[in-house]
Amino acid sequence: MFRRVKGTRDILPEEILFWRKTEETCTRIFSSYGYEEIRTPLMEEFSLFCRSLGKTTEVVKKQMFEIKRGSGHLVLRPEATASIVRAYLENRLDRKRGLAKFYYVGAMFRAERQQKGRLRQFHHLGVEAIGSNSPNLDIEIISLLNRLVKELNIEGYQIYINSLGCIKDKQVLAKILRYKITPYLDNLCADCKRRFKQNVFRILDCKKPECMRIVNKLELGTDHLCDSCKKHLESVLAGLDTLGIGYKFEPALVRGLDYYTRTIFEIKHPRLGSQDALGAGGRYDNLVAEFGGPELGAIGFALGEERLLLAQSRQPQPQEPRLVTYLITLGEEADKAGVKLLDKLREQGIASDMDYTEGRSLKGKMRRADELGVRLTVIIGEDELKKGTVTLKDMVSGKQEEVKIDEVTRRLKCYEPIRAES
């Protein structure tokens, strides 16, 4: 027997409702903020992510699913930002509009160790806004994130914010970190000893207890920020305060990808365990230029859809049955009439299905209709065929009535509960 690939999961029909409701809520809110949907390929050039994420990042070094065919070197996308910036430039959207605002929903892929809320194929809901350095855009993005999680019935979350500053500020911060971490170097885990040389920021994100204790001793602040970046941060925090959005300023917060600058943020929830991030984002003001485009500020975030579902305090409930009508036919001639009627109902937009199981009794067919939660069953047997009628049965009241077969569509479209006695 075949089994699914490790680190993936099957999303079964009974779960799809929750996924659809989550996506519908997010896309409705994205649109209300002026964001437009964009879809990029699942595959991209390997070099796209090497350049954007950084060659020393965990994603590039260990987690990308690579595809090599001939001279081609492709990967399954590990995140969406680089793909969207590539699409933005390749399709010359920088020449067609000022501020470009996109949202996306889709699968991402990373070769990670499977654990709660972390899979090798996972799904992101996110936004990217390209074309502005304004702190007001940062405020909009974070307020949008906050509104999303509230509308998804998620409680007990915390938003964390920091600023890495511009490229020069990040270089200063790297020196400060190395200076402060050096006395504790021997106590770092093997991975963090390597990170100390290659990408010192990643030490701040290590989940090993000893490394976390060392990070907590560092007493980081905003001394690395230039005047412009400090002013930008102050404006963002003041704007969030004005909107009444709760947050915690966390100087040790970093992001695992090299392209981030200035404002970065993360939203966490204790229900997710050690991997407690629902989503994260920040500014990437240099990425568009690094890809060969103009110098444009940009900011975005991504939320893990699997993690959102884990954190929801109340799961969405179905509003309507999936099917309105279920046809039950008794006999070969009734089957033929049922197939024809079913096609007519569907053509008129009435959600309908019929029983295709051979040899199942009327009782068994009625039980199946009940399991499906349909409102009405349409029964066609020998008696109905002789009279040119069908029997409609109300599955709630249990009452039924006889209707001319030519009147079935009209009767179902203006359906009222059956009150006539059987």
Protein backbone atom coordinates (compact mmCIF):
# COMPACT_ATOMS: atom_id res chain seq x y z
CA MET A 1 0.00 0.00 0.00
CA PHE A 2 1.30 3.45 -0.95
CA ARG A 3 1.54 6.16 1.69
CA ARG A 4 1.80 9.92 1.43
CA VAL A 5 5.26 11.49 1.29
CA LYS A 6 6.67 12.26 4.74
CA GLY A 7 6.00 15.85 5.75
CA THR A 8 2.84 16.17 3.64
CA ARG A 9 -0.81 15.59 4.50
CA ASP A 10 -4.09 14.82 2.80
CA ILE A 11 -6.79 17.45 3.27
CA LEU A 12 -9.98 15.41 3.36
CA PRO A 13 -13.48 16.59 2.31
CA GLU A 14 -14.65 17.03 5.92
CA GLU A 15 -11.71 19.41 6.56
CA ILE A 16 -12.05 21.45 3.39
CA LEU A 17 -14.83 23.61 4.85
CA PHE A 18 -12.44 24.96 7.48
CA TRP A 19 -9.76 25.67 4.87
CA ARG A 20 -12.24 27.37 2.55
CA LYS A 21 -13.71 29.56 5.30
CA THR A 22 -10.21 30.62 6.38
CA GLU A 23 -9.21 31.49 2.82
CA GLU A 24 -12.49 33.28 2.09
CA THR A 25 -12.10 35.41 5.22
CA CYS A 26 -8.52 36.31 4.35
CA THR A 27 -9.16 37.11 0.68
CA ARG A 28 -12.18 39.25 1.59
CA ILE A 29 -10.08 41.31 4.02
CA PHE A 30 -7.11 41.50 1.65
CA SER A 31 -9.40 42.90 -1.04
CA SER A 32 -10.95 45.43 1.35
CA TYR A 33 -7.45 46.84 1.92
CA GLY A 34 -6.85 47.21 -1.83
CA TYR A 35 -4.71 44.10 -2.41
CA GLU A 36 -5.08 42.13 -5.66
CA GLU A 37 -4.50 38.41 -6.09
CA ILE A 38 -1.36 37.17 -7.83
CA ARG A 39 -0.36 33.59 -8.63
CA THR A 40 3.22 32.61 -9.37
CA PRO A 41 4.63 29.20 -10.43
CA LEU A 42 5.46 26.53 -7.87
CA MET A 43 8.89 26.19 -9.53
CA GLU A 44 11.54 28.88 -9.82
CA GLU A 45 15.21 29.12 -10.71
CA PHE A 46 17.48 28.00 -7.87
CA SER A 47 19.49 31.20 -8.17
CA LEU A 48 16.42 33.35 -7.44
CA PHE A 49 16.38 32.19 -3.83
CA CYS A 50 20.16 32.08 -3.42
CA ARG A 51 20.28 35.75 -4.26
CA SER A 52 17.24 36.85 -2.25
CA LEU A 53 17.38 34.65 0.84
CA GLY A 54 21.16 34.49 1.20
CA LYS A 55 23.50 31.54 0.53
CA THR A 56 24.15 30.95 4.24
CA THR A 57 20.51 30.79 5.33
CA GLU A 58 19.08 27.49 6.59
CA VAL A 59 16.49 27.54 3.80
CA VAL A 60 19.04 27.66 0.99
CA LYS A 61 21.62 25.38 2.60
CA LYS A 62 19.34 22.63 3.90
CA GLN A 63 15.67 23.04 3.08
CA MET A 64 15.08 23.58 -0.64
CA PHE A 65 13.68 20.81 -2.83
CA GLU A 66 15.89 20.95 -5.91
CA ILE A 67 15.05 19.71 -9.41
CA LYS A 68 17.90 19.23 -11.88
CA ARG A 69 17.15 18.43 -15.53
CA GLY A 70 19.94 18.84 -18.03
CA SER A 71 21.46 22.26 -17.46
CA GLY A 72 18.40 23.51 -15.57
CA HIS A 73 18.49 23.92 -11.80
CA LEU A 74 15.04 24.55 -10.37
CA VAL A 75 13.49 24.47 -6.90
CA LEU A 76 10.02 24.17 -5.47
CA ARG A 77 9.39 27.59 -4.00
CA PRO A 78 10.15 27.78 -0.25
CA GLU A 79 8.43 31.18 0.11
CA ALA A 80 6.56 33.66 -2.08
CA THR A 81 8.22 37.07 -1.70
CA ALA A 82 11.10 36.46 -4.11
CA SER A 83 8.72 34.96 -6.69
CA ILE A 84 6.40 37.97 -6.49
CA VAL A 85 9.24 40.48 -6.85
CA ARG A 86 10.49 38.50 -9.84
CA ALA A 87 7.00 38.55 -11.39
CA TYR A 88 6.62 42.25 -10.60
CA LEU A 89 9.79 43.09 -12.55
CA GLU A 90 9.48 40.53 -15.34
CA ASN A 91 5.98 41.75 -16.18
CA ARG A 92 7.10 45.41 -15.91
CA LEU A 93 4.54 46.22 -13.26
CA ASP A 94 6.92 48.86 -11.90
CA ARG A 95 6.20 50.84 -15.08
CA LYS A 96 2.42 50.35 -15.00
CA ARG A 97 1.53 51.45 -11.49
CA GLY A 98 2.80 53.27 -8.43
CA LEU A 99 2.30 51.29 -5.28
CA ALA A 100 1.54 47.67 -6.17
CA LYS A 101 -0.39 45.64 -3.59
CA PHE A 102 -0.67 41.86 -3.99
CA TYR A 103 -2.06 38.97 -2.00
CA TYR A 104 -1.51 35.26 -2.55
CA VAL A 105 -2.63 31.84 -1.33
CA GLY A 106 -0.63 28.74 -2.12
CA ALA A 107 1.65 25.84 -1.31
CA MET A 108 5.30 26.27 -0.31
CA PHE A 109 7.94 23.58 0.17
CA ARG A 110 10.80 23.13 2.64
CA ALA A 111 12.70 19.98 3.58
CA GLU A 112 12.20 20.47 7.31
CA ARG A 113 11.86 18.02 10.18
CA GLN A 114 8.15 17.34 10.58
CA GLN A 115 6.56 18.59 13.81
CA LYS A 116 3.39 20.32 15.01
CA GLY A 117 2.49 23.11 12.61
CA ARG A 118 5.53 22.47 10.41
CA LEU A 119 5.33 20.37 7.25
CA ARG A 120 7.42 19.92 4.12
CA GLN A 121 4.50 21.02 1.98
CA PHE A 122 2.64 23.81 3.72
CA HIS A 123 0.36 26.68 2.71
CA HIS A 124 0.81 30.42 3.04
CA LEU A 125 -1.65 33.29 2.93
CA GLY A 126 0.19 36.56 2.50
CA VAL A 127 0.53 40.05 1.10
CA GLU A 128 3.28 42.10 -0.53
CA ALA A 129 3.21 45.88 -1.06
CA ILE A 130 5.90 47.23 -3.40
CA GLY A 131 6.68 50.87 -4.10
CA SER A 132 6.76 52.83 -0.83
CA ASN A 133 9.08 53.54 2.11
CA SER A 134 6.35 55.20 4.16
CA PRO A 135 5.96 54.06 7.78
CA ASN A 136 2.21 54.38 7.20
CA LEU A 137 2.45 51.34 4.94
CA ASP A 138 4.10 49.38 7.77
CA ILE A 139 1.20 50.41 10.01
CA GLU A 140 -1.34 49.27 7.40
CA ILE A 141 0.37 45.90 6.95
CA ILE A 142 0.54 45.16 10.69
CA SER A 143 -3.04 46.35 11.26
CA LEU A 144 -4.14 44.10 8.40
CA LEU A 145 -2.39 41.15 10.04
CA ASN A 146 -4.03 41.98 13.37
CA ARG A 147 -7.50 42.22 11.79
CA LEU A 148 -7.09 38.89 10.01
CA VAL A 149 -6.30 36.87 13.12
CA LYS A 150 -9.15 38.53 15.02
CA GLU A 151 -11.69 37.70 12.31
CA LEU A 152 -10.42 34.12 12.26
CA ASN A 153 -11.48 33.74 15.92
CA ILE A 154 -7.90 33.49 17.17
CA GLU A 155 -7.37 34.68 20.72
CA GLY A 156 -4.31 34.87 22.98
CA TYR A 157 -1.82 35.83 20.27
CA GLN A 158 1.03 38.33 20.63
CA ILE A 159 2.59 40.58 17.98
CA TYR A 160 6.35 41.21 18.33
CA ILE A 161 8.11 44.06 16.51
CA ASN A 162 11.71 45.12 15.95
CA SER A 163 13.77 47.14 13.48
CA LEU A 164 16.95 45.84 11.90
CA GLY A 165 17.59 49.22 10.28
CA CYS A 166 19.05 49.78 6.84
CA ILE A 167 21.93 47.81 5.31
CA LYS A 168 24.56 49.90 7.14
CA ASP A 169 22.63 49.54 10.40
CA LYS A 170 22.55 45.76 9.98
CA GLN A 171 26.33 45.76 9.54
CA VAL A 172 26.67 47.72 12.78
CA LEU A 173 24.27 45.36 14.54
CA ALA A 174 26.26 42.34 13.35
CA LYS A 175 29.42 43.79 14.92
CA ILE A 176 27.57 44.51 18.17
CA LEU A 177 26.24 40.96 18.28
CA ARG A 178 29.64 39.37 17.68
CA TYR A 179 31.20 41.57 20.36
CA LYS A 180 28.52 40.67 22.93
CA ILE A 181 28.37 36.96 22.05
CA THR A 182 32.14 36.34 21.98
CA PRO A 183 32.45 35.72 25.77
CA TYR A 184 29.83 32.96 25.46
CA LEU A 185 31.10 31.41 22.23
CA ASP A 186 32.19 28.12 23.79
CA ASN A 187 28.71 27.58 25.23
CA LEU A 188 26.87 27.92 21.93
CA CYS A 189 25.48 24.87 20.11
CA ALA A 190 27.43 23.58 17.10
CA ASP A 191 25.03 25.25 14.64
CA CYS A 192 25.34 28.64 16.37
CA LYS A 193 29.15 28.44 16.41
CA ARG A 194 28.93 28.15 12.65
CA ARG A 195 26.33 30.93 12.49
CA PHE A 196 28.64 33.22 14.48
CA LYS A 197 30.91 33.36 11.43
CA GLN A 198 28.38 33.05 8.62
CA ASN A 199 25.17 34.77 9.78
CA VAL A 200 25.30 35.95 13.38
CA PHE A 201 21.64 37.12 13.31
CA ARG A 202 20.49 33.49 13.20
CA ILE A 203 21.86 32.92 16.73
CA LEU A 204 19.05 35.13 18.04
CA ASP A 205 16.52 32.71 16.55
CA CYS A 206 18.02 29.48 17.93
CA LYS A 207 15.61 27.34 19.99
CA LYS A 208 18.30 25.47 21.96
CA PRO A 209 17.88 26.31 25.69
CA GLU A 210 21.52 27.26 26.28
CA CYS A 211 21.64 29.55 23.25
CA MET A 212 18.36 31.16 24.30
CA ARG A 213 19.80 31.86 27.78
CA ILE A 214 22.81 33.55 26.19
CA VAL A 215 20.61 35.69 23.91
CA ASN A 216 18.57 36.80 26.92
CA LYS A 217 21.76 38.18 28.52
CA LEU A 218 22.74 40.37 25.55
CA GLU A 219 20.62 43.45 26.46
CA LEU A 220 20.05 44.56 22.88
CA GLY A 221 18.39 47.86 22.00
CA THR A 222 18.17 50.35 19.14
CA ASP A 223 21.69 51.84 19.34
CA HIS A 224 22.54 50.41 15.91
CA LEU A 225 19.84 52.44 14.15
CA CYS A 226 20.69 55.56 12.17
CA ASP A 227 18.56 58.68 12.70
CA SER A 228 16.38 57.96 9.66
CA CYS A 229 15.65 54.36 10.67
CA LYS A 230 15.04 55.36 14.29
CA LYS A 231 12.52 57.97 13.14
CA HIS A 232 10.85 55.38 10.88
CA LEU A 233 10.51 52.96 13.81
CA GLU A 234 9.10 55.63 16.11
CA SER A 235 6.47 56.54 13.49
CA VAL A 236 5.42 52.91 13.09
CA LEU A 237 5.07 52.34 16.83
CA ALA A 238 3.19 55.62 17.30
CA GLY A 239 0.78 54.66 14.51
CA LEU A 240 0.08 51.26 16.08
CA ASP A 241 -0.52 52.94 19.43
CA THR A 242 -3.00 55.31 17.77
CA LEU A 243 -4.90 52.33 16.30
CA GLY A 244 -4.87 50.54 19.65
CA ILE A 245 -2.99 47.54 18.30
CA GLY A 246 -1.17 45.67 21.03
CA TYR A 247 2.45 44.69 20.40
CA LYS A 248 5.68 43.97 22.23
CA PHE A 249 8.91 45.61 21.10
CA GLU A 250 11.51 42.83 21.00
CA PRO A 251 15.12 43.91 20.20
CA ALA A 252 16.21 40.26 19.85
CA LEU A 253 13.67 39.52 17.12
CA VAL A 254 15.23 38.63 13.76
CA ARG A 255 14.05 37.03 10.54
CA GLY A 256 15.78 34.06 8.99
CA LEU A 257 16.09 35.55 5.50
CA ASP A 258 18.77 38.03 4.44
CA TYR A 259 16.58 40.46 2.51
CA TYR A 260 14.82 41.97 5.54
CA THR A 261 15.53 45.58 6.56
CA ARG A 262 13.97 48.07 8.96
CA THR A 263 10.61 46.91 10.39
CA ILE A 264 10.24 43.20 11.09
CA PHE A 265 7.43 41.53 13.02
CA GLU A 266 6.13 38.15 14.10
CA ILE A 267 2.85 36.93 15.52
CA LYS A 268 3.01 34.05 17.99
CA HIS A 269 0.50 31.79 19.70
CA PRO A 270 1.16 29.46 22.67
CA ARG A 271 -1.16 26.77 21.28
CA LEU A 272 1.45 25.92 18.63
CA GLY A 273 4.15 24.71 21.04
CA SER A 274 7.85 25.41 20.42
CA GLN A 275 7.20 26.41 16.79
CA ASP A 276 4.83 29.14 17.96
CA ALA A 277 4.85 31.58 15.02
CA LEU A 278 1.52 31.96 13.21
CA GLY A 279 3.20 34.21 10.68
CA ALA A 280 5.82 36.88 10.17
CA GLY A 281 7.00 39.58 7.83
CA GLY A 282 8.79 42.85 7.41
CA ARG A 283 10.42 45.32 5.04
CA TYR A 284 12.73 44.34 2.20
CA ASP A 285 13.63 47.76 0.80
CA ASN A 286 16.64 46.60 -1.24
CA LEU A 287 15.32 43.45 -2.87
CA VAL A 288 13.69 45.03 -5.93
CA ALA A 289 16.95 46.83 -6.80
CA GLU A 290 18.98 43.66 -6.17
CA PHE A 291 16.81 41.91 -8.76
CA GLY A 292 17.65 44.59 -11.32
CA GLY A 293 14.72 46.92 -10.77
CA PRO A 294 14.45 50.46 -9.42
CA GLU A 295 15.08 51.32 -5.78
CA LEU A 296 11.66 50.80 -4.22
CA GLY A 297 10.60 50.18 -0.64
CA ALA A 298 8.56 47.05 -0.01
CA ILE A 299 6.94 45.17 2.86
CA GLY A 300 4.84 42.04 3.34
CA PHE A 301 3.94 39.11 5.55
CA ALA A 302 2.95 35.46 5.32
CA LEU A 303 0.68 33.43 7.59
CA GLY A 304 0.87 29.64 7.79
CA GLU A 305 -2.58 28.29 6.95
CA GLU A 306 -2.07 25.04 8.86
CA ARG A 307 -1.03 27.03 11.91
CA LEU A 308 -4.01 29.37 11.65
CA LEU A 309 -6.33 26.38 11.75
CA LEU A 310 -4.55 24.97 14.81
CA ALA A 311 -4.87 28.29 16.65
CA GLN A 312 -8.53 29.05 15.92
CA SER A 313 -10.58 29.02 19.11
CA ARG A 314 -13.81 28.30 17.20
CA GLN A 315 -13.94 26.33 13.98
CA PRO A 316 -16.27 27.70 11.24
CA GLN A 317 -19.59 25.90 10.96
CA PRO A 318 -21.38 24.97 7.74
CA GLN A 319 -24.16 27.38 6.80
CA GLU A 320 -25.96 25.29 4.19
CA PRO A 321 -25.98 21.60 3.17
CA ARG A 322 -23.67 20.82 0.29
CA LEU A 323 -26.56 19.22 -1.61
CA VAL A 324 -30.14 20.43 -1.85
CA THR A 325 -31.57 17.32 -3.51
CA TYR A 326 -30.80 13.60 -3.62
CA LEU A 327 -32.44 11.37 -6.22
CA ILE A 328 -33.48 7.85 -5.26
CA THR A 329 -34.49 5.58 -8.14
CA LEU A 330 -36.03 2.11 -7.89
CA GLY A 331 -35.61 -0.03 -10.99
CA GLU A 332 -33.94 0.17 -14.38
CA GLU A 333 -36.52 2.46 -16.02
CA ALA A 334 -36.51 4.73 -12.99
CA ASP A 335 -32.70 4.95 -13.26
CA LYS A 336 -33.03 6.29 -16.81
CA ALA A 337 -35.61 8.87 -15.76
CA GLY A 338 -33.45 9.81 -12.76
CA VAL A 339 -30.34 10.44 -14.88
CA LYS A 340 -32.33 12.75 -17.16
CA LEU A 341 -33.93 14.63 -14.24
CA LEU A 342 -30.58 14.95 -12.44
CA ASP A 343 -29.04 16.59 -15.51
CA LYS A 344 -31.95 19.03 -15.72
CA LEU A 345 -31.69 19.99 -12.03
CA ARG A 346 -27.95 20.62 -12.27
CA GLU A 347 -28.44 22.67 -15.43
CA GLN A 348 -30.77 24.91 -13.40
CA GLY A 349 -28.16 25.34 -10.67
CA ILE A 350 -29.79 23.03 -8.11
CA ALA A 351 -27.09 21.12 -6.20
CA SER A 352 -28.09 17.50 -6.74
CA ASP A 353 -26.78 13.95 -6.68
CA MET A 354 -28.18 10.42 -6.89
CA ASP A 355 -27.43 6.99 -5.57
CA TYR A 356 -25.22 4.94 -7.87
CA THR A 357 -24.84 1.89 -5.65
CA GLU A 358 -26.31 -1.20 -7.31
CA GLY A 359 -28.56 -3.39 -5.21
CA ARG A 360 -28.97 -0.93 -2.32
CA SER A 361 -32.43 -0.99 -0.74
CA LEU A 362 -34.74 2.01 -0.44
CA LYS A 363 -33.97 2.12 3.30
CA GLY A 364 -30.23 2.10 2.58
CA LYS A 365 -30.60 4.87 -0.01
CA MET A 366 -32.61 7.01 2.43
CA ARG A 367 -29.94 6.47 5.07
CA ARG A 368 -27.29 7.71 2.62
CA ALA A 369 -29.37 10.82 1.87
CA ASP A 370 -29.60 11.49 5.61
CA GLU A 371 -25.82 11.11 6.01
CA LEU A 372 -25.28 13.71 3.27
CA GLY A 373 -27.52 16.20 5.08
CA VAL A 374 -29.71 16.92 2.04
CA ARG A 375 -32.90 18.93 2.40
CA LEU A 376 -35.07 16.88 0.02
CA THR A 377 -35.07 13.47 -1.57
CA VAL A 378 -36.70 12.88 -4.94
CA ILE A 379 -37.99 9.33 -5.22
CA ILE A 380 -38.81 7.71 -8.56
CA GLY A 381 -40.27 4.19 -8.61
CA GLU A 382 -42.68 2.16 -10.74
CA ASP A 383 -45.77 3.95 -9.39
CA GLU A 384 -44.26 7.38 -10.06
CA LEU A 385 -43.25 6.39 -13.60
CA LYS A 386 -46.81 5.28 -14.43
CA LYS A 387 -48.26 8.59 -13.21
CA GLY A 388 -45.46 10.83 -14.58
CA THR A 389 -44.67 12.07 -11.08
CA VAL A 390 -41.99 11.95 -8.42
CA THR A 391 -42.27 11.83 -4.64
CA LEU A 392 -40.61 14.67 -2.76
CA LYS A 393 -39.70 13.87 0.83
CA ASP A 394 -38.74 16.56 3.35
CA MET A 395 -35.81 15.08 5.28
CA VAL A 396 -36.42 17.37 8.26
CA SER A 397 -40.14 16.89 8.83
CA GLY A 398 -40.36 13.44 7.25
CA LYS A 399 -43.42 14.49 5.26
CA GLN A 400 -43.78 13.98 1.54
CA GLU A 401 -45.84 14.98 -1.49
CA GLU A 402 -46.31 13.93 -5.08
CA VAL A 403 -45.25 16.34 -7.82
CA LYS A 404 -45.52 16.13 -11.62
CA ILE A 405 -42.07 15.39 -13.02
CA ASP A 406 -42.24 18.49 -15.25
CA GLU A 407 -42.86 20.64 -12.16
CA VAL A 408 -39.93 19.35 -10.07
CA THR A 409 -37.45 22.06 -11.06
CA ARG A 410 -39.88 24.91 -10.37
CA ARG A 411 -40.96 23.32 -7.06
CA LEU A 412 -37.35 22.96 -5.87
CA LYS A 413 -36.39 26.51 -6.85
CA CYS A 414 -39.19 27.98 -4.73
CA TYR A 415 -38.95 25.28 -2.08
CA GLU A 416 -40.98 25.56 1.11
CA PRO A 417 -41.14 22.82 3.76
CA ILE A 418 -43.74 20.18 2.90
CA ARG A 419 -46.79 20.42 5.13
CA ALA A 420 -49.10 17.96 3.45
CA GLU A 421 -49.55 14.62 5.24
CA SER A 422 -48.03 11.58 3.55
